[in-house]
Amino acid sequence: MPSAAQDPDLRARLDGLLDEHRAALHGSLDGLSEEQARRRLVPSRTTLLGLLKHAAYVEGVWFDQAITGRGH
């Protein structure tokens, strides 16, 4: 199976999906105060701000690996 770097159609679909997920996360946080973004709404320790931090971290790791080929 070709990688996204080798298949422009796959890359475009992945970029679109990533943009949709970013927009959904942004929409979830839009208009919230920091206190509201830090509020736990489920029994776990999950917060909207925590999800944003996680998404940013995962993107950073993924792009680093995709560009440099290094593993973490």
PDB file of N, CA and C in Angstrom:
ATOM      1  N   MET A   1       0.848  -1.183   0.000  1.00  0.00           N
ATOM      2  CA  MET A   1       0.000   0.000   0.000  1.00  0.00           C
ATOM      3  C   MET A   1       0.891   1.243   0.000  1.00  0.00           C
ATOM      4  N   PRO A   2       0.658   2.176  -0.907  1.00  0.00           N
ATOM      5  CA  PRO A   2       1.494   3.374  -0.958  1.00  0.00           C
ATOM      6  C   PRO A   2       1.244   4.269   0.253  1.00  0.00           C
ATOM      7  N   SER A   3       2.269   4.985   0.651  1.00  0.00           N
ATOM      8  CA  SER A   3       2.119   5.930   1.761  1.00  0.00           C
ATOM      9  C   SER A   3       1.406   7.181   1.266  1.00  0.00           C
ATOM     10  N   ALA A   4       0.963   8.000   2.231  1.00  0.00           N
ATOM     11  CA  ALA A   4       0.291   9.245   1.872  1.00  0.00           C
ATOM     12  C   ALA A   4       1.207  10.157   1.074  1.00  0.00           C
ATOM     13  N   ALA A   5       2.507  10.085   1.343  1.00  0.00           N
ATOM     14  CA  ALA A   5       3.465  10.919   0.612  1.00  0.00           C
ATOM     15  C   ALA A   5       3.554  10.490  -0.846  1.00  0.00           C
ATOM     16  N   GLN A   6       3.283   9.213  -1.131  1.00  0.00           N
ATOM     17  CA  GLN A   6       3.390   8.691  -2.495  1.00  0.00           C
ATOM     18  C   GLN A   6       2.065   8.742  -3.246  1.00  0.00           C
ATOM     19  N   ASP A   7       0.949   8.885  -2.561  1.00  0.00           N
ATOM     20  CA  ASP A   7      -0.370   8.846  -3.181  1.00  0.00           C
ATOM     21  C   ASP A   7      -1.091  10.167  -2.914  1.00  0.00           C
ATOM     22  N   PRO A   8      -1.150  11.057  -3.914  1.00  0.00           N
ATOM     23  CA  PRO A   8      -1.766  12.370  -3.701  1.00  0.00           C
ATOM     24  C   PRO A   8      -3.230  12.293  -3.274  1.00  0.00           C
ATOM     25  N   ASP A   9      -3.985  11.301  -3.791  1.00  0.00           N
ATOM     26  CA  ASP A   9      -5.392  11.174  -3.398  1.00  0.00           C
ATOM     27  C   ASP A   9      -5.520  10.789  -1.931  1.00  0.00           C
ATOM     28  N   LEU A  10      -4.693   9.865  -1.488  1.00  0.00           N
ATOM     29  CA  LEU A  10      -4.700   9.457  -0.086  1.00  0.00           C
ATOM     30  C   LEU A  10      -4.294  10.633   0.792  1.00  0.00           C
ATOM     31  N   ARG A  11      -3.278  11.353   0.377  1.00  0.00           N
ATOM     32  CA  ARG A  11      -2.825  12.516   1.144  1.00  0.00           C
ATOM     33  C   ARG A  11      -3.934  13.550   1.263  1.00  0.00           C
ATOM     34  N   ALA A  12      -4.644  13.803   0.180  1.00  0.00           N
ATOM     35  CA  ALA A  12      -5.732  14.786   0.206  1.00  0.00           C
ATOM     36  C   ALA A  12      -6.844  14.328   1.143  1.00  0.00           C
ATOM     37  N   ARG A  13      -7.177  13.041   1.121  1.00  0.00           N
ATOM     38  CA  ARG A  13      -8.217  12.525   2.024  1.00  0.00           C
ATOM     39  C   ARG A  13      -7.773  12.632   3.473  1.00  0.00           C
ATOM     40  N   LEU A  14      -6.515  12.290   3.756  1.00  0.00           N
ATOM     41  CA  LEU A  14      -6.005  12.385   5.132  1.00  0.00           C
ATOM     42  C   LEU A  14      -5.966  13.837   5.608  1.00  0.00           C
ATOM     43  N   ASP A  15      -5.520  14.733   4.729  1.00  0.00           N
ATOM     44  CA  ASP A  15      -5.511  16.160   5.083  1.00  0.00           C
ATOM     45  C   ASP A  15      -6.919  16.656   5.385  1.00  0.00           C
ATOM     46  N   GLY A  16      -7.885  16.254   4.577  1.00  0.00           N
ATOM     47  CA  GLY A  16      -9.271  16.661   4.789  1.00  0.00           C
ATOM     48  C   GLY A  16      -9.826  16.124   6.101  1.00  0.00           C
ATOM     49  N   LEU A  17      -9.539  14.869   6.386  1.00  0.00           N
ATOM     50  CA  LEU A  17     -10.001  14.265   7.629  1.00  0.00           C
ATOM     51  C   LEU A  17      -9.376  14.964   8.834  1.00  0.00           C
ATOM     52  N   LEU A  18      -8.094  15.243   8.754  1.00  0.00           N
ATOM     53  CA  LEU A  18      -7.409  15.937   9.840  1.00  0.00           C
ATOM     54  C   LEU A  18      -7.993  17.334  10.036  1.00  0.00           C
ATOM     55  N   ASP A  19      -8.276  18.033   8.947  1.00  0.00           N
ATOM     56  CA  ASP A  19      -8.897  19.361   9.037  1.00  0.00           C
ATOM     57  C   ASP A  19     -10.271  19.285   9.695  1.00  0.00           C
ATOM     58  N   GLU A  20     -11.050  18.242   9.352  1.00  0.00           N
ATOM     59  CA  GLU A  20     -12.369  18.071   9.974  1.00  0.00           C
ATOM     60  C   GLU A  20     -12.250  17.839  11.476  1.00  0.00           C
ATOM     61  N   HIS A  21     -11.301  17.012  11.875  1.00  0.00           N
ATOM     62  CA  HIS A  21     -11.110  16.727  13.303  1.00  0.00           C
ATOM     63  C   HIS A  21     -10.627  17.969  14.050  1.00  0.00           C
ATOM     64  N   ARG A  22      -9.731  18.710  13.435  1.00  0.00           N
ATOM     65  CA  ARG A  22      -9.274  19.961  14.064  1.00  0.00           C
ATOM     66  C   ARG A  22     -10.440  20.930  14.242  1.00  0.00           C
ATOM     67  N   ALA A  23     -11.274  21.061  13.210  1.00  0.00           N
ATOM     68  CA  ALA A  23     -12.410  21.971  13.274  1.00  0.00           C
ATOM     69  C   ALA A  23     -13.406  21.531  14.348  1.00  0.00           C
ATOM     70  N   ALA A  24     -13.645  20.236  14.467  1.00  0.00           N
ATOM     71  CA  ALA A  24     -14.569  19.731  15.484  1.00  0.00           C
ATOM     72  C   ALA A  24     -14.041  20.020  16.882  1.00  0.00           C
ATOM     73  N   LEU A  25     -12.755  19.805  17.094  1.00  0.00           N
ATOM     74  CA  LEU A  25     -12.165  20.077  18.402  1.00  0.00           C
ATOM     75  C   LEU A  25     -12.195  21.573  18.695  1.00  0.00           C
ATOM     76  N   HIS A  26     -11.863  22.374  17.701  1.00  0.00           N
ATOM     77  CA  HIS A  26     -11.906  23.828  17.870  1.00  0.00           C
ATOM     78  C   HIS A  26     -13.323  24.276  18.194  1.00  0.00           C
ATOM     79  N   GLY A  27     -14.301  23.725  17.490  1.00  0.00           N
ATOM     80  CA  GLY A  27     -15.693  24.073  17.736  1.00  0.00           C
ATOM     81  C   GLY A  27     -16.151  23.707  19.134  1.00  0.00           C
ATOM     82  N   SER A  28     -15.612  22.614  19.668  1.00  0.00           N
ATOM     83  CA  SER A  28     -15.957  22.204  21.031  1.00  0.00           C
ATOM     84  C   SER A  28     -15.434  23.171  22.069  1.00  0.00           C
ATOM     85  N   LEU A  29     -14.335  23.836  21.759  1.00  0.00           N
ATOM     86  CA  LEU A  29     -13.706  24.752  22.711  1.00  0.00           C
ATOM     87  C   LEU A  29     -14.091  26.204  22.489  1.00  0.00           C
ATOM     88  N   ASP A  30     -14.640  26.502  21.325  1.00  0.00           N
ATOM     89  CA  ASP A  30     -14.950  27.879  20.957  1.00  0.00           C
ATOM     90  C   ASP A  30     -15.914  28.517  21.962  1.00  0.00           C
ATOM     91  N   GLY A  31     -15.521  29.645  22.505  1.00  0.00           N
ATOM     92  CA  GLY A  31     -16.366  30.379  23.436  1.00  0.00           C
ATOM     93  C   GLY A  31     -16.260  29.939  24.882  1.00  0.00           C
ATOM     94  N   LEU A  32     -15.481  28.899  25.165  1.00  0.00           N
ATOM     95  CA  LEU A  32     -15.336  28.439  26.541  1.00  0.00           C
ATOM     96  C   LEU A  32     -14.232  29.211  27.253  1.00  0.00           C
ATOM     97  N   SER A  33     -14.410  29.403  28.531  1.00  0.00           N
ATOM     98  CA  SER A  33     -13.323  29.961  29.339  1.00  0.00           C
ATOM     99  C   SER A  33     -12.319  28.838  29.595  1.00  0.00           C
ATOM    100  N   GLU A  34     -11.149  29.206  30.078  1.00  0.00           N
ATOM    101  CA  GLU A  34     -10.155  28.179  30.403  1.00  0.00           C
ATOM    102  C   GLU A  34     -10.703  27.250  31.480  1.00  0.00           C
ATOM    103  N   GLU A  35     -11.397  27.821  32.441  1.00  0.00           N
ATOM    104  CA  GLU A  35     -11.978  26.997  33.518  1.00  0.00           C
ATOM    105  C   GLU A  35     -12.952  25.969  32.938  1.00  0.00           C
ATOM    106  N   GLN A  36     -13.787  26.401  32.004  1.00  0.00           N
ATOM    107  CA  GLN A  36     -14.739  25.480  31.381  1.00  0.00           C
ATOM    108  C   GLN A  36     -14.021  24.406  30.572  1.00  0.00           C
ATOM    109  N   ALA A  37     -12.957  24.779  29.868  1.00  0.00           N
ATOM    110  CA  ALA A  37     -12.201  23.821  29.062  1.00  0.00           C
ATOM    111  C   ALA A  37     -11.483  22.796  29.932  1.00  0.00           C
ATOM    112  N   ARG A  38     -11.193  23.160  31.180  1.00  0.00           N
ATOM    113  CA  ARG A  38     -10.517  22.254  32.107  1.00  0.00           C
ATOM    114  C   ARG A  38     -11.490  21.391  32.908  1.00  0.00           C
ATOM    115  N   ARG A  39     -12.776  21.661  32.806  1.00  0.00           N
ATOM    116  CA  ARG A  39     -13.782  20.943  33.592  1.00  0.00           C
ATOM    117  C   ARG A  39     -13.900  19.496  33.126  1.00  0.00           C
ATOM    118  N   ARG A  40     -14.004  18.603  34.077  1.00  0.00           N
ATOM    119  CA  ARG A  40     -14.212  17.181  33.773  1.00  0.00           C
ATOM    120  C   ARG A  40     -15.696  16.942  33.605  1.00  0.00           C
ATOM    121  N   LEU A  41     -16.068  16.395  32.465  1.00  0.00           N
ATOM    122  CA  LEU A  41     -17.474  16.148  32.161  1.00  0.00           C
ATOM    123  C   LEU A  41     -17.821  14.669  32.150  1.00  0.00           C
ATOM    124  N   VAL A  42     -16.811  13.836  32.325  1.00  0.00           N
ATOM    125  CA  VAL A  42     -16.986  12.378  32.353  1.00  0.00           C
ATOM    126  C   VAL A  42     -16.253  11.837  33.575  1.00  0.00           C
ATOM    127  N   PRO A  43     -16.541  10.600  33.996  1.00  0.00           N
ATOM    128  CA  PRO A  43     -15.903  10.063  35.206  1.00  0.00           C
ATOM    129  C   PRO A  43     -14.370   9.992  35.134  1.00  0.00           C
ATOM    130  N   SER A  44     -13.812   9.912  33.940  1.00  0.00           N
ATOM    131  CA  SER A  44     -12.347   9.867  33.820  1.00  0.00           C
ATOM    132  C   SER A  44     -11.781  11.272  34.019  1.00  0.00           C
ATOM    133  N   ARG A  45     -10.490  11.405  33.898  1.00  0.00           N
ATOM    134  CA  ARG A  45      -9.839  12.709  34.050  1.00  0.00           C
ATOM    135  C   ARG A  45      -9.824  13.509  32.744  1.00  0.00           C
ATOM    136  N   THR A  46     -10.560  13.044  31.743  1.00  0.00           N
ATOM    137  CA  THR A  46     -10.586  13.680  30.427  1.00  0.00           C
ATOM    138  C   THR A  46     -11.246  15.051  30.490  1.00  0.00           C
ATOM    139  N   THR A  47     -10.597  16.019  29.834  1.00  0.00           N
ATOM    140  CA  THR A  47     -11.159  17.361  29.683  1.00  0.00           C
ATOM    141  C   THR A  47     -11.005  17.766  28.221  1.00  0.00           C
ATOM    142  N   LEU A  48     -11.752  18.785  27.799  1.00  0.00           N
ATOM    143  CA  LEU A  48     -11.597  19.267  26.423  1.00  0.00           C
ATOM    144  C   LEU A  48     -10.194  19.816  26.196  1.00  0.00           C
ATOM    145  N   LEU A  49      -9.657  20.530  27.187  1.00  0.00           N
ATOM    146  CA  LEU A  49      -8.299  21.055  27.048  1.00  0.00           C
ATOM    147  C   LEU A  49      -7.290  19.909  26.956  1.00  0.00           C
ATOM    148  N   GLY A  50      -7.508  18.855  27.726  1.00  0.00           N
ATOM    149  CA  GLY A  50      -6.637  17.679  27.656  1.00  0.00           C
ATOM    150  C   GLY A  50      -6.676  17.022  26.288  1.00  0.00           C
ATOM    151  N   LEU A  51      -7.863  16.974  25.684  1.00  0.00           N
ATOM    152  CA  LEU A  51      -7.977  16.412  24.333  1.00  0.00           C
ATOM    153  C   LEU A  51      -7.222  17.259  23.324  1.00  0.00           C
ATOM    154  N   LEU A  52      -7.307  18.576  23.472  1.00  0.00           N
ATOM    155  CA  LEU A  52      -6.574  19.469  22.576  1.00  0.00           C
ATOM    156  C   LEU A  52      -5.067  19.256  22.715  1.00  0.00           C
ATOM    157  N   LYS A  53      -4.586  19.182  23.947  1.00  0.00           N
ATOM    158  CA  LYS A  53      -3.151  18.957  24.170  1.00  0.00           C
ATOM    159  C   LYS A  53      -2.712  17.614  23.586  1.00  0.00           C
ATOM    160  N   HIS A  54      -3.538  16.596  23.780  1.00  0.00           N
ATOM    161  CA  HIS A  54      -3.215  15.272  23.247  1.00  0.00           C
ATOM    162  C   HIS A  54      -3.151  15.299  21.718  1.00  0.00           C
ATOM    163  N   ALA A  55      -4.139  15.931  21.086  1.00  0.00           N
ATOM    164  CA  ALA A  55      -4.160  16.008  19.625  1.00  0.00           C
ATOM    165  C   ALA A  55      -2.924  16.742  19.097  1.00  0.00           C
ATOM    166  N   ALA A  56      -2.548  17.830  19.751  1.00  0.00           N
ATOM    167  CA  ALA A  56      -1.360  18.583  19.323  1.00  0.00           C
ATOM    168  C   ALA A  56      -0.098  17.739  19.481  1.00  0.00           C
ATOM    169  N   TYR A  57      -0.003  17.012  20.582  1.00  0.00           N
ATOM    170  CA  TYR A  57       1.166  16.154  20.811  1.00  0.00           C
ATOM    171  C   TYR A  57       1.247  15.051  19.749  1.00  0.00           C
ATOM    172  N   VAL A  58       0.120  14.376  19.505  1.00  0.00           N
ATOM    173  CA  VAL A  58       0.108  13.276  18.533  1.00  0.00           C
ATOM    174  C   VAL A  58       0.458  13.782  17.143  1.00  0.00           C
ATOM    175  N   GLU A  59      -0.081  14.936  16.764  1.00  0.00           N
ATOM    176  CA  GLU A  59       0.272  15.501  15.452  1.00  0.00           C
ATOM    177  C   GLU A  59       1.757  15.793  15.377  1.00  0.00           C
ATOM    178  N   GLY A  60       2.312  16.365  16.438  1.00  0.00           N
ATOM    179  CA  GLY A  60       3.743  16.671  16.450  1.00  0.00           C
ATOM    180  C   GLY A  60       4.596  15.422  16.293  1.00  0.00           C
ATOM    181  N   VAL A  61       4.241  14.377  17.029  1.00  0.00           N
ATOM    182  CA  VAL A  61       4.979  13.117  16.942  1.00  0.00           C
ATOM    183  C   VAL A  61       4.834  12.518  15.551  1.00  0.00           C
ATOM    184  N   TRP A  62       3.603  12.507  15.041  1.00  0.00           N
ATOM    185  CA  TRP A  62       3.369  11.913  13.729  1.00  0.00           C
ATOM    186  C   TRP A  62       4.151  12.646  12.649  1.00  0.00           C
ATOM    187  N   PHE A  63       4.077  13.979  12.642  1.00  0.00           N
ATOM    188  CA  PHE A  63       4.789  14.741  11.620  1.00  0.00           C
ATOM    189  C   PHE A  63       6.293  14.568  11.760  1.00  0.00           C
ATOM    190  N   ASP A  64       6.795  14.526  12.983  1.00  0.00           N
ATOM    191  CA  ASP A  64       8.227  14.316  13.203  1.00  0.00           C
ATOM    192  C   ASP A  64       8.642  12.968  12.611  1.00  0.00           C
ATOM    193  N   GLN A  65       7.866  11.924  12.872  1.00  0.00           N
ATOM    194  CA  GLN A  65       8.193  10.612  12.346  1.00  0.00           C
ATOM    195  C   GLN A  65       8.060  10.576  10.828  1.00  0.00           C
ATOM    196  N   ALA A  66       7.031  11.230  10.302  1.00  0.00           N
ATOM    197  CA  ALA A  66       6.812  11.227   8.841  1.00  0.00           C
ATOM    198  C   ALA A  66       7.930  11.958   8.123  1.00  0.00           C
ATOM    199  N   ILE A  67       8.431  13.028   8.727  1.00  0.00           N
ATOM    200  CA  ILE A  67       9.460  13.830   8.063  1.00  0.00           C
ATOM    201  C   ILE A  67      10.860  13.269   8.289  1.00  0.00           C
ATOM    202  N   THR A  68      11.151  12.893   9.534  1.00  0.00           N
ATOM    203  CA  THR A  68      12.512  12.452   9.851  1.00  0.00           C
ATOM    204  C   THR A  68      12.678  10.943   9.800  1.00  0.00           C
ATOM    205  N   GLY A  69      11.556  10.212   9.921  1.00  0.00           N
ATOM    206  CA  GLY A  69      11.645   8.756   9.944  1.00  0.00           C
ATOM    207  C   GLY A  69      12.070   8.199  11.295  1.00  0.00           C
ATOM    208  N   ARG A  70      12.250   9.079  12.273  1.00  0.00           N
ATOM    209  CA  ARG A  70      12.642   8.617  13.616  1.00  0.00           C
ATOM    210  C   ARG A  70      11.428   8.116  14.381  1.00  0.00           C
ATOM    211  N   GLY A  71      11.637   7.147  15.225  1.00  0.00           N
ATOM    212  CA  GLY A  71      10.578   6.670  16.107  1.00  0.00           C
ATOM    213  C   GLY A  71      10.714   7.294  17.479  1.00  0.00           C
ATOM    214  N   HIS A  72       9.650   7.247  18.242  1.00  0.00           N
ATOM    215  CA  HIS A  72       9.677   7.783  19.609  1.00  0.00           C
ATOM    216  C   HIS A  72       9.519   6.677  20.603  1.00  0.00           C
TER     217      HIS A  72
END
